[in-house]
Amino acid sequence: MLRAILESTAVSPGEAFVVGDMEIDAQFARAAGCRVALVPGGSRTAEELAAVDADVLLQSLAELPAWLARERAPGPGRTAAARALESPPR
């Protein structure tokens, strides 16, 4: 389903970022080749989500804009996730 959405919007998986609050959300994102941010919510705690393969574990959605801004900032401290956030040339 996610791949179909990406295709219909002409967005590559490397340009997409899925935000979720459960393991299945991370699996959904990874299966489509997308990055993933997890945020503890109603069904999972931060401790439970810490073991899940995600690019970032945030404490609240309010942290997402600042995290994205840090990841996109130039400099030697950038992570692989930051480099993945850069849009490929079109």
C-alpha atoms as a PDB file:
ATOM      1  CA  MET A   1       0.000   0.000   0.000  1.00  0.00           C
ATOM      2  CA  LEU A   2       2.756   2.464   0.897  1.00  0.00           C
ATOM      3  CA  ARG A   3       4.639   1.678  -2.300  1.00  0.00           C
ATOM      4  CA  ALA A   4       1.481   2.436  -4.307  1.00  0.00           C
ATOM      5  CA  ILE A   5       1.073   5.765  -2.530  1.00  0.00           C
ATOM      6  CA  LEU A   6       4.708   6.660  -3.176  1.00  0.00           C
ATOM      7  CA  GLU A   7       4.408   5.714  -6.836  1.00  0.00           C
ATOM      8  CA  SER A   8       1.196   7.662  -7.335  1.00  0.00           C
ATOM      9  CA  THR A   9       2.771  10.777  -5.814  1.00  0.00           C
ATOM     10  CA  ALA A  10       6.146  10.350  -7.574  1.00  0.00           C
ATOM     11  CA  VAL A  11       7.968  10.229  -4.232  1.00  0.00           C
ATOM     12  CA  SER A  12      10.864   7.823  -3.848  1.00  0.00           C
ATOM     13  CA  PRO A  13      11.103   5.687  -0.708  1.00  0.00           C
ATOM     14  CA  GLY A  14      14.309   7.528   0.205  1.00  0.00           C
ATOM     15  CA  GLU A  15      12.382  10.798   0.287  1.00  0.00           C
ATOM     16  CA  ALA A  16       9.573   9.470   2.476  1.00  0.00           C
ATOM     17  CA  PHE A  17       9.442   9.291   6.252  1.00  0.00           C
ATOM     18  CA  VAL A  18       6.855   7.274   8.171  1.00  0.00           C
ATOM     19  CA  VAL A  19       5.896   8.287  11.696  1.00  0.00           C
ATOM     20  CA  GLY A  20       4.280   5.675  13.900  1.00  0.00           C
ATOM     21  CA  ASP A  21       3.786   4.407  17.419  1.00  0.00           C
ATOM     22  CA  MET A  22       4.062   0.628  17.019  1.00  0.00           C
ATOM     23  CA  GLU A  23       6.449  -2.026  15.741  1.00  0.00           C
ATOM     24  CA  ILE A  24       4.163  -2.691  12.772  1.00  0.00           C
ATOM     25  CA  ASP A  25       4.597   0.920  11.672  1.00  0.00           C
ATOM     26  CA  ALA A  26       8.369   0.450  11.507  1.00  0.00           C
ATOM     27  CA  GLN A  27       7.959  -2.828   9.622  1.00  0.00           C
ATOM     28  CA  PHE A  28       5.524  -1.150   7.211  1.00  0.00           C
ATOM     29  CA  ALA A  29       8.015   1.649   6.522  1.00  0.00           C
ATOM     30  CA  ARG A  30      11.047  -0.609   6.159  1.00  0.00           C
ATOM     31  CA  ALA A  31       9.214  -2.991   3.812  1.00  0.00           C
ATOM     32  CA  ALA A  32       8.689  -0.071   1.447  1.00  0.00           C
ATOM     33  CA  GLY A  33      12.270   1.196   1.863  1.00  0.00           C
ATOM     34  CA  CYS A  34      11.299   4.270   3.874  1.00  0.00           C
ATOM     35  CA  ARG A  35      12.783   5.841   6.963  1.00  0.00           C
ATOM     36  CA  VAL A  36      10.829   5.700  10.201  1.00  0.00           C
ATOM     37  CA  ALA A  37      10.368   7.755  13.350  1.00  0.00           C
ATOM     38  CA  LEU A  38       8.635   6.202  16.318  1.00  0.00           C
ATOM     39  CA  VAL A  39       6.777   8.078  19.036  1.00  0.00           C
ATOM     40  CA  PRO A  40       5.401   6.377  22.146  1.00  0.00           C
ATOM     41  CA  GLY A  41       1.640   6.483  22.095  1.00  0.00           C
ATOM     42  CA  GLY A  42      -1.369   4.742  23.479  1.00  0.00           C
ATOM     43  CA  SER A  43      -0.198   1.179  22.954  1.00  0.00           C
ATOM     44  CA  ARG A  44       3.618   1.242  23.298  1.00  0.00           C
ATOM     45  CA  THR A  45       5.989   2.858  25.762  1.00  0.00           C
ATOM     46  CA  ALA A  46       9.352   4.393  24.893  1.00  0.00           C
ATOM     47  CA  GLU A  47      11.029   1.424  26.558  1.00  0.00           C
ATOM     48  CA  GLU A  48       9.152  -1.014  24.323  1.00  0.00           C
ATOM     49  CA  LEU A  49       9.909   0.990  21.169  1.00  0.00           C
ATOM     50  CA  ALA A  50      13.616   1.319  22.002  1.00  0.00           C
ATOM     51  CA  ALA A  51      14.205  -2.218  20.705  1.00  0.00           C
ATOM     52  CA  VAL A  52      12.535  -1.518  17.340  1.00  0.00           C
ATOM     53  CA  ASP A  53      14.542  -0.725  14.181  1.00  0.00           C
ATOM     54  CA  ALA A  54      13.823   2.983  13.646  1.00  0.00           C
ATOM     55  CA  ASP A  55      15.815   6.000  12.529  1.00  0.00           C
ATOM     56  CA  VAL A  56      14.743   7.890  15.625  1.00  0.00           C
ATOM     57  CA  LEU A  57      12.688   7.389  18.769  1.00  0.00           C
ATOM     58  CA  LEU A  58      11.074  10.655  19.777  1.00  0.00           C
ATOM     59  CA  GLN A  59       9.314  11.331  23.058  1.00  0.00           C
ATOM     60  CA  SER A  60       6.549  13.352  21.366  1.00  0.00           C
ATOM     61  CA  LEU A  61       5.477  14.483  17.906  1.00  0.00           C
ATOM     62  CA  ALA A  62       6.432  18.013  18.909  1.00  0.00           C
ATOM     63  CA  GLU A  63      10.093  16.906  18.638  1.00  0.00           C
ATOM     64  CA  LEU A  64       9.798  15.893  14.966  1.00  0.00           C
ATOM     65  CA  PRO A  65      10.341  19.317  13.314  1.00  0.00           C
ATOM     66  CA  ALA A  66      13.451  20.059  15.382  1.00  0.00           C
ATOM     67  CA  TRP A  67      14.868  16.592  14.741  1.00  0.00           C
ATOM     68  CA  LEU A  68      14.345  16.951  10.996  1.00  0.00           C
ATOM     69  CA  ALA A  69      15.993  20.392  11.065  1.00  0.00           C
ATOM     70  CA  ARG A  70      19.036  18.993  12.906  1.00  0.00           C
ATOM     71  CA  GLU A  71      19.288  16.077  10.510  1.00  0.00           C
ATOM     72  CA  ARG A  72      19.215  18.389   7.505  1.00  0.00           C
ATOM     73  CA  ALA A  73      21.812  20.799   8.906  1.00  0.00           C
ATOM     74  CA  PRO A  74      25.202  20.663   7.189  1.00  0.00           C
ATOM     75  CA  GLY A  75      28.231  19.628   9.173  1.00  0.00           C
ATOM     76  CA  PRO A  76      30.435  16.732  10.222  1.00  0.00           C
ATOM     77  CA  GLY A  77      28.011  15.496  12.887  1.00  0.00           C
ATOM     78  CA  ARG A  78      25.357  14.526  10.366  1.00  0.00           C
ATOM     79  CA  THR A  79      24.218  10.930  10.507  1.00  0.00           C
ATOM     80  CA  ALA A  80      23.429   8.481   7.745  1.00  0.00           C
ATOM     81  CA  ALA A  81      19.781   9.316   8.355  1.00  0.00           C
ATOM     82  CA  ALA A  82      20.569  12.961   7.666  1.00  0.00           C
ATOM     83  CA  ARG A  83      22.225  12.121   4.368  1.00  0.00           C
ATOM     84  CA  ALA A  84      19.210   9.987   3.450  1.00  0.00           C
ATOM     85  CA  LEU A  85      16.952  12.987   4.000  1.00  0.00           C
ATOM     86  CA  GLU A  86      18.585  14.851   1.139  1.00  0.00           C
ATOM     87  CA  SER A  87      16.466  14.715  -1.982  1.00  0.00           C
ATOM     88  CA  PRO A  88      18.107  12.995  -4.923  1.00  0.00           C
ATOM     89  CA  PRO A  89      18.637  15.123  -8.027  1.00  0.00           C
ATOM     90  CA  ARG A  90      15.706  15.035 -10.452  1.00  0.00           C
END
